[in-house]
Amino acid sequence: MWAVTGSMLAVEPVRHFGAHFKILSSYYELPRNRVEANIFLKEVFRMPQFWSELGKKISFGAVTAGGDTALKLAMF
């Protein structure tokens, strides 16, 4: 279970950030230098509901990984 949950904790925030990055880049042009990239990345984190959605996705993933592992162990 720890391997599944650990991998989920590594992958899900990256996917969530990528989705919000894609949404923001559809409205604004992509940054051209490091200063613009820094501002753009800060704005990704400031999007409405970014942190609450991330918490929901991580908790759902942990519950799903635990349930999947429990079923596999029960069948074993």
Protein backbone atom coordinates (compact mmCIF):
# COMPACT_ATOMS: atom_id res chain seq x y z
CA MET A 1 0.00 0.00 0.00
CA TRP A 2 2.81 2.40 0.78
CA ALA A 3 4.22 2.13 -2.74
CA VAL A 4 0.85 2.88 -4.32
CA THR A 5 0.11 5.77 -1.97
CA GLY A 6 3.63 7.16 -2.32
CA SER A 7 3.48 7.11 -6.09
CA MET A 8 0.03 8.71 -6.00
CA LEU A 9 1.34 11.48 -3.75
CA ALA A 10 4.12 12.14 -6.26
CA VAL A 11 1.99 12.02 -9.42
CA GLU A 12 -1.29 13.69 -8.47
CA PRO A 13 0.08 17.14 -7.54
CA VAL A 14 2.03 17.25 -10.82
CA ARG A 15 -1.07 16.37 -12.83
CA HIS A 16 -3.14 18.92 -10.91
CA PHE A 17 -0.54 21.65 -11.47
CA GLY A 18 -0.33 20.74 -15.17
CA ALA A 19 -4.08 20.99 -15.57
CA HIS A 20 -4.19 24.44 -13.98
CA PHE A 21 -1.15 25.51 -15.99
CA LYS A 22 -2.97 24.51 -19.17
CA ILE A 23 -6.10 26.43 -18.13
CA LEU A 24 -4.13 29.58 -17.36
CA SER A 25 -2.10 29.33 -20.55
CA SER A 26 -5.31 29.20 -22.60
CA TYR A 27 -6.15 32.73 -21.36
CA TYR A 28 -2.67 34.27 -21.21
CA GLU A 29 0.41 33.94 -23.38
CA LEU A 30 3.23 31.74 -22.16
CA PRO A 31 6.15 33.41 -20.40
CA ARG A 32 9.22 34.33 -22.44
CA ASN A 33 11.81 34.82 -19.71
CA ARG A 34 12.48 33.81 -16.13
CA VAL A 35 10.76 36.80 -14.53
CA GLU A 36 7.57 36.22 -16.51
CA ALA A 37 7.74 32.50 -15.74
CA ASN A 38 7.99 33.26 -12.03
CA ILE A 39 4.92 35.50 -12.18
CA PHE A 40 3.02 32.95 -14.27
CA LEU A 41 3.78 30.11 -11.84
CA LYS A 42 2.73 32.21 -8.85
CA GLU A 43 -0.56 32.93 -10.59
CA VAL A 44 -1.14 29.22 -11.17
CA PHE A 45 -0.98 28.69 -7.40
CA ARG A 46 -3.32 31.66 -6.82
CA MET A 47 -6.09 30.32 -9.05
CA PRO A 48 -9.42 29.92 -7.27
CA GLN A 49 -9.90 26.58 -5.56
CA PHE A 50 -6.36 25.37 -6.43
CA TRP A 51 -5.41 24.23 -2.93
CA SER A 52 -8.81 22.86 -1.93
CA GLU A 53 -9.07 20.82 -5.14
CA LEU A 54 -5.55 19.51 -4.62
CA GLY A 55 -6.44 18.37 -1.11
CA LYS A 56 -9.57 16.65 -2.36
CA LYS A 57 -7.66 14.86 -5.13
CA ILE A 58 -4.92 13.69 -2.78
CA SER A 59 -7.38 12.41 -0.17
CA PHE A 60 -9.46 10.64 -2.83
CA GLY A 61 -6.32 9.08 -4.28
CA ALA A 62 -5.17 7.88 -0.87
CA VAL A 63 -8.57 6.32 -0.14
CA THR A 64 -8.66 4.71 -3.58
CA ALA A 65 -5.12 3.35 -3.22
CA GLY A 66 -5.93 1.99 0.24
CA GLY A 67 -9.12 0.34 -0.97
CA ASP A 68 -7.38 -1.18 -3.96
CA THR A 69 -4.59 -2.55 -1.80
CA ALA A 70 -7.09 -3.90 0.74
CA LEU A 71 -9.00 -5.78 -1.97
CA LYS A 72 -5.78 -7.22 -3.40
CA LEU A 73 -4.65 -8.38 0.03
CA ALA A 74 -8.06 -9.87 0.77
CA MET A 75 -7.95 -11.86 -2.48
CA PHE A 76 -4.39 -13.02 -1.79
